Amino acid sequence: MKKVLGVMLLFPVLLWAGLRIYNSIVYGIDCGGHIKRAANANTIALATQEMKTVITYLEAKEMTKGYTSVLYRTPDEDIGFWYQNLKASLGELEKTTPQTTQLERSNVLIKLRETLLDHGQSVSVTQPSGISIYPNNVAYAWFGWLGLVATIGGVVLFIIGLDDY
C-alpha cells in the first residue's frame, strides 16, 4: 500500500512538468516562433507580417504588462518593456515606404534582428523567462513546490514500502 501511495505522489510533479512542456510548445508555435521568423525575415513585408502576428497574440492573451517573476521583480522579466519594444519594432517596420532606400531597409532589418535575438552562448529569442505560462506563474510556482514536496514524500513512502516485504 505504501508503494502504491508513493508512486501516486509522483503524479503531481509529472503533471506539472507536462503542463509546462505543453505551454512552452503552444507558446512557441503561437508567438515565439513568429518572433524568430521576424528576426530572420529578409524583407520588410515578411518581418511586418510576423510582428503583427506576435502583437496580435500578445494583445489577445493580455500579455502587455506585468512581470513573470514570482518572488521579486527583475528587469529581464518585465513584460511591459518587452511588449513596448516589440510594438516599437513593428512601428519602425511600418514607417518604411516604397521610397525607402535598400540600405535603410537593411538597417531596419538588422536593428530588428538585434532587438529580437540574444547572442550569448547561442542565439535565442529575447523574451522574459516564464512567459509561456504567464499570467499563471504564481500558480505554477506553488504547484511546482507542492509537487516537489509530494514527490519527496512519495519516494520516502516507496522506500519504506520496500521494507514491508
C-alpha atoms as a PDB file:
ATOM      1  CA  MET A   1       0.000   0.000   0.000  1.00  0.00           C
ATOM      2  CA  LYS A   2       2.823   2.415   0.845  1.00  0.00           C
ATOM      3  CA  LYS A   3       4.479   1.739  -2.506  1.00  0.00           C
ATOM      4  CA  VAL A   4       1.235   2.458  -4.374  1.00  0.00           C
ATOM      5  CA  LEU A   5       0.709   5.706  -2.465  1.00  0.00           C
ATOM      6  CA  GLY A   6       4.371   6.595  -3.007  1.00  0.00           C
ATOM      7  CA  VAL A   7       4.009   6.154  -6.765  1.00  0.00           C
ATOM      8  CA  MET A   8       0.743   8.134  -6.781  1.00  0.00           C
ATOM      9  CA  LEU A   9       2.507  11.046  -5.086  1.00  0.00           C
ATOM     10  CA  LEU A  10       4.810  11.284  -8.116  1.00  0.00           C
ATOM     11  CA  PHE A  11       1.909  12.250 -10.396  1.00  0.00           C
ATOM     12  CA  PRO A  12       1.611  15.937  -9.365  1.00  0.00           C
ATOM     13  CA  VAL A  13       5.182  16.753 -10.405  1.00  0.00           C
ATOM     14  CA  LEU A  14       4.744  14.785 -13.636  1.00  0.00           C
ATOM     15  CA  LEU A  15       1.531  16.693 -14.367  1.00  0.00           C
ATOM     16  CA  TRP A  16       3.273  19.990 -13.583  1.00  0.00           C
ATOM     17  CA  ALA A  17       6.171  19.142 -15.910  1.00  0.00           C
ATOM     18  CA  GLY A  18       3.789  18.013 -18.643  1.00  0.00           C
ATOM     19  CA  LEU A  19       1.778  21.233 -18.430  1.00  0.00           C
ATOM     20  CA  ARG A  20       4.942  23.351 -18.521  1.00  0.00           C
ATOM     21  CA  ILE A  21       6.163  21.499 -21.610  1.00  0.00           C
ATOM     22  CA  TYR A  22       2.755  21.773 -23.284  1.00  0.00           C
ATOM     23  CA  ASN A  23       2.503  25.526 -22.582  1.00  0.00           C
ATOM     24  CA  SER A  24       6.032  26.058 -23.852  1.00  0.00           C
ATOM     25  CA  ILE A  25       5.236  24.254 -27.101  1.00  0.00           C
ATOM     26  CA  VAL A  26       1.968  26.151 -27.617  1.00  0.00           C
ATOM     27  CA  TYR A  27       3.654  29.495 -26.917  1.00  0.00           C
ATOM     28  CA  GLY A  28       6.487  28.592 -29.283  1.00  0.00           C
ATOM     29  CA  ILE A  29       4.026  27.820 -32.066  1.00  0.00           C
ATOM     30  CA  ASP A  30       1.705  30.777 -31.471  1.00  0.00           C
ATOM     31  CA  CYS A  31       4.226  33.517 -30.627  1.00  0.00           C
ATOM     32  CA  GLY A  32       7.880  32.627 -30.043  1.00  0.00           C
ATOM     33  CA  GLY A  33       8.298  31.047 -33.457  1.00  0.00           C
ATOM     34  CA  HIS A  34       6.896  34.150 -35.123  1.00  0.00           C
ATOM     35  CA  ILE A  35       9.382  36.354 -33.254  1.00  0.00           C
ATOM     36  CA  LYS A  36      12.197  34.166 -34.585  1.00  0.00           C
ATOM     37  CA  ARG A  37      10.750  34.300 -38.104  1.00  0.00           C
ATOM     38  CA  ALA A  38      10.504  38.106 -37.926  1.00  0.00           C
ATOM     39  CA  ALA A  39      14.152  38.260 -36.880  1.00  0.00           C
ATOM     40  CA  ASN A  40      15.135  36.012 -39.787  1.00  0.00           C
ATOM     41  CA  ALA A  41      12.991  37.784 -42.396  1.00  0.00           C
ATOM     42  CA  ASN A  42      14.789  39.074 -45.479  1.00  0.00           C
ATOM     43  CA  THR A  43      12.123  41.610 -46.405  1.00  0.00           C
ATOM     44  CA  ILE A  44      10.263  44.330 -44.543  1.00  0.00           C
ATOM     45  CA  ALA A  45       6.936  42.810 -45.644  1.00  0.00           C
ATOM     46  CA  LEU A  46       7.742  39.390 -44.153  1.00  0.00           C
ATOM     47  CA  ALA A  47       9.034  40.900 -40.912  1.00  0.00           C
ATOM     48  CA  THR A  48       5.961  43.148 -40.620  1.00  0.00           C
ATOM     49  CA  GLN A  49       3.611  40.218 -41.174  1.00  0.00           C
ATOM     50  CA  GLU A  50       5.317  38.156 -38.456  1.00  0.00           C
ATOM     51  CA  MET A  51       5.467  41.055 -35.994  1.00  0.00           C
ATOM     52  CA  LYS A  52       1.756  41.750 -36.495  1.00  0.00           C
ATOM     53  CA  THR A  53       1.071  38.106 -35.640  1.00  0.00           C
ATOM     54  CA  VAL A  54       3.161  38.447 -32.468  1.00  0.00           C
ATOM     55  CA  ILE A  55       1.495  41.692 -31.342  1.00  0.00           C
ATOM     56  CA  THR A  56      -1.988  40.319 -32.066  1.00  0.00           C
ATOM     57  CA  TYR A  57      -1.235  37.212 -29.986  1.00  0.00           C
ATOM     58  CA  LEU A  58       0.190  39.200 -27.066  1.00  0.00           C
ATOM     59  CA  GLU A  59      -2.774  41.565 -27.005  1.00  0.00           C
ATOM     60  CA  ALA A  60      -5.311  38.730 -27.285  1.00  0.00           C
ATOM     61  CA  LYS A  61      -3.659  36.926 -24.344  1.00  0.00           C
ATOM     62  CA  GLU A  62      -3.303  40.206 -22.384  1.00  0.00           C
ATOM     63  CA  MET A  63       0.462  39.784 -22.220  1.00  0.00           C
ATOM     64  CA  THR A  64       1.174  43.512 -22.413  1.00  0.00           C
ATOM     65  CA  LYS A  65       2.183  44.354 -18.841  1.00  0.00           C
ATOM     66  CA  GLY A  66       3.341  42.757 -15.632  1.00  0.00           C
ATOM     67  CA  TYR A  67       6.235  40.564 -14.596  1.00  0.00           C
ATOM     68  CA  THR A  68       6.847  36.857 -15.000  1.00  0.00           C
ATOM     69  CA  SER A  69       8.702  36.675 -11.694  1.00  0.00           C
ATOM     70  CA  VAL A  70       7.086  35.278  -8.572  1.00  0.00           C
ATOM     71  CA  LEU A  71       9.213  36.375  -5.606  1.00  0.00           C
ATOM     72  CA  TYR A  72      10.888  39.572  -6.822  1.00  0.00           C
ATOM     73  CA  ARG A  73      10.906  41.722  -9.933  1.00  0.00           C
ATOM     74  CA  THR A  74      13.885  41.942 -12.226  1.00  0.00           C
ATOM     75  CA  PRO A  75      14.185  43.993 -15.424  1.00  0.00           C
ATOM     76  CA  ASP A  76      14.577  40.926 -17.644  1.00  0.00           C
ATOM     77  CA  GLU A  77      11.129  39.700 -16.554  1.00  0.00           C
ATOM     78  CA  ASP A  78       9.290  42.951 -17.358  1.00  0.00           C
ATOM     79  CA  ILE A  79       6.591  42.088 -19.886  1.00  0.00           C
ATOM     80  CA  GLY A  80       5.553  45.727 -20.360  1.00  0.00           C
ATOM     81  CA  PHE A  81       9.017  46.795 -21.530  1.00  0.00           C
ATOM     82  CA  TRP A  82       9.328  43.739 -23.778  1.00  0.00           C
ATOM     83  CA  TYR A  83       5.894  44.347 -25.318  1.00  0.00           C
ATOM     84  CA  GLN A  84       6.591  48.062 -25.894  1.00  0.00           C
ATOM     85  CA  ASN A  85       9.901  47.145 -27.517  1.00  0.00           C
ATOM     86  CA  LEU A  86       8.122  44.729 -29.883  1.00  0.00           C
ATOM     87  CA  LYS A  87       5.492  47.379 -30.700  1.00  0.00           C
ATOM     88  CA  ALA A  88       8.224  49.933 -31.406  1.00  0.00           C
ATOM     89  CA  SER A  89       9.933  47.447 -33.717  1.00  0.00           C
ATOM     90  CA  LEU A  90       6.689  46.952 -35.617  1.00  0.00           C
ATOM     91  CA  GLY A  91       6.328  50.738 -35.833  1.00  0.00           C
ATOM     92  CA  GLU A  92       9.808  51.031 -37.358  1.00  0.00           C
ATOM     93  CA  LEU A  93       8.901  48.392 -39.940  1.00  0.00           C
ATOM     94  CA  GLU A  94       5.658  50.176 -40.805  1.00  0.00           C
ATOM     95  CA  LYS A  95       7.476  53.515 -41.286  1.00  0.00           C
ATOM     96  CA  THR A  96       9.257  52.192 -44.342  1.00  0.00           C
ATOM     97  CA  THR A  97       7.837  53.288 -47.670  1.00  0.00           C
ATOM     98  CA  PRO A  98       8.475  52.297 -51.281  1.00  0.00           C
ATOM     99  CA  GLN A  99      10.837  55.274 -51.404  1.00  0.00           C
ATOM    100  CA  THR A 100      12.955  53.900 -48.539  1.00  0.00           C
ATOM    101  CA  THR A 101      16.394  53.002 -49.873  1.00  0.00           C
ATOM    102  CA  GLN A 102      17.708  49.445 -49.809  1.00  0.00           C
ATOM    103  CA  LEU A 103      20.367  50.477 -47.292  1.00  0.00           C
ATOM    104  CA  GLU A 104      17.725  51.902 -44.940  1.00  0.00           C
ATOM    105  CA  ARG A 105      15.621  48.742 -45.308  1.00  0.00           C
ATOM    106  CA  SER A 106      18.642  46.590 -44.497  1.00  0.00           C
ATOM    107  CA  ASN A 107      19.410  48.736 -41.455  1.00  0.00           C
ATOM    108  CA  VAL A 108      15.828  48.356 -40.190  1.00  0.00           C
ATOM    109  CA  LEU A 109      16.046  44.567 -40.596  1.00  0.00           C
ATOM    110  CA  ILE A 110      19.437  44.432 -38.853  1.00  0.00           C
ATOM    111  CA  LYS A 111      18.113  46.549 -35.981  1.00  0.00           C
ATOM    112  CA  LEU A 112      15.047  44.286 -35.741  1.00  0.00           C
ATOM    113  CA  ARG A 113      17.239  41.185 -35.594  1.00  0.00           C
ATOM    114  CA  GLU A 114      19.384  42.724 -32.853  1.00  0.00           C
ATOM    115  CA  THR A 115      16.246  43.646 -30.888  1.00  0.00           C
ATOM    116  CA  LEU A 116      14.559  40.255 -31.164  1.00  0.00           C
ATOM    117  CA  LEU A 117      17.510  37.920 -30.629  1.00  0.00           C
ATOM    118  CA  ASP A 118      20.010  37.428 -27.799  1.00  0.00           C
ATOM    119  CA  HIS A 119      23.536  36.485 -28.792  1.00  0.00           C
ATOM    120  CA  GLY A 120      25.007  34.680 -25.789  1.00  0.00           C
ATOM    121  CA  GLN A 121      26.494  31.201 -25.987  1.00  0.00           C
ATOM    122  CA  SER A 122      23.832  30.553 -28.604  1.00  0.00           C
ATOM    123  CA  VAL A 123      21.284  32.664 -30.458  1.00  0.00           C
ATOM    124  CA  SER A 124      17.893  32.753 -28.740  1.00  0.00           C
ATOM    125  CA  VAL A 125      14.740  34.852 -28.864  1.00  0.00           C
ATOM    126  CA  THR A 126      14.720  37.783 -26.431  1.00  0.00           C
ATOM    127  CA  GLN A 127      11.745  37.241 -24.125  1.00  0.00           C
ATOM    128  CA  PRO A 128      11.040  37.213 -20.388  1.00  0.00           C
ATOM    129  CA  SER A 129      11.699  33.854 -18.765  1.00  0.00           C
ATOM    130  CA  GLY A 130       8.475  32.084 -17.854  1.00  0.00           C
ATOM    131  CA  ILE A 131       6.464  33.947 -20.496  1.00  0.00           C
ATOM    132  CA  SER A 132       4.880  30.727 -21.763  1.00  0.00           C
ATOM    133  CA  ILE A 133       2.904  30.274 -18.519  1.00  0.00           C
ATOM    134  CA  TYR A 134       2.072  33.938 -17.903  1.00  0.00           C
ATOM    135  CA  PRO A 135      -0.246  35.043 -16.184  1.00  0.00           C
ATOM    136  CA  ASN A 136      -0.315  31.808 -14.167  1.00  0.00           C
ATOM    137  CA  ASN A 137       3.295  31.995 -12.956  1.00  0.00           C
ATOM    138  CA  VAL A 138       2.372  32.114  -9.256  1.00  0.00           C
ATOM    139  CA  ALA A 139       0.027  29.136  -9.576  1.00  0.00           C
ATOM    140  CA  TYR A 140       2.700  27.152 -11.416  1.00  0.00           C
ATOM    141  CA  ALA A 141       5.276  28.059  -8.764  1.00  0.00           C
ATOM    142  CA  TRP A 142       3.024  26.817  -5.964  1.00  0.00           C
ATOM    143  CA  PHE A 143       2.039  23.736  -7.939  1.00  0.00           C
ATOM    144  CA  GLY A 144       5.716  23.013  -8.628  1.00  0.00           C
ATOM    145  CA  TRP A 145       6.752  23.354  -4.991  1.00  0.00           C
ATOM    146  CA  LEU A 146       3.833  21.267  -3.736  1.00  0.00           C
ATOM    147  CA  GLY A 147       4.547  18.691  -6.428  1.00  0.00           C
ATOM    148  CA  LEU A 148       8.183  18.548  -5.330  1.00  0.00           C
ATOM    149  CA  VAL A 149       7.168  18.022  -1.693  1.00  0.00           C
ATOM    150  CA  ALA A 150       4.706  15.308  -2.779  1.00  0.00           C
ATOM    151  CA  THR A 151       7.434  13.658  -4.852  1.00  0.00           C
ATOM    152  CA  ILE A 152       9.851  13.612  -1.928  1.00  0.00           C
ATOM    153  CA  GLY A 153       7.116  12.170   0.270  1.00  0.00           C
ATOM    154  CA  GLY A 154       6.295   9.618  -2.412  1.00  0.00           C
ATOM    155  CA  VAL A 155       9.903   8.480  -2.702  1.00  0.00           C
ATOM    156  CA  VAL A 156      10.157   8.146   1.083  1.00  0.00           C
ATOM    157  CA  LEU A 157       6.904   6.153   1.228  1.00  0.00           C
ATOM    158  CA  PHE A 158       8.041   3.947  -1.641  1.00  0.00           C
ATOM    159  CA  ILE A 159      11.355   3.195   0.099  1.00  0.00           C
ATOM    160  CA  ILE A 160       9.570   2.472   3.381  1.00  0.00           C
ATOM    161  CA  GLY A 161       7.153   0.234   1.471  1.00  0.00           C
ATOM    162  CA  LEU A 162      10.066  -1.831   0.161  1.00  0.00           C
ATOM    163  CA  ASP A 163      10.881  -2.884   3.732  1.00  0.00           C
ATOM    164  CA  ASP A 164       7.354  -4.250   4.246  1.00  0.00           C
ATOM    165  CA  TYR A 165       8.029  -7.283   2.053  1.00  0.00           C
END
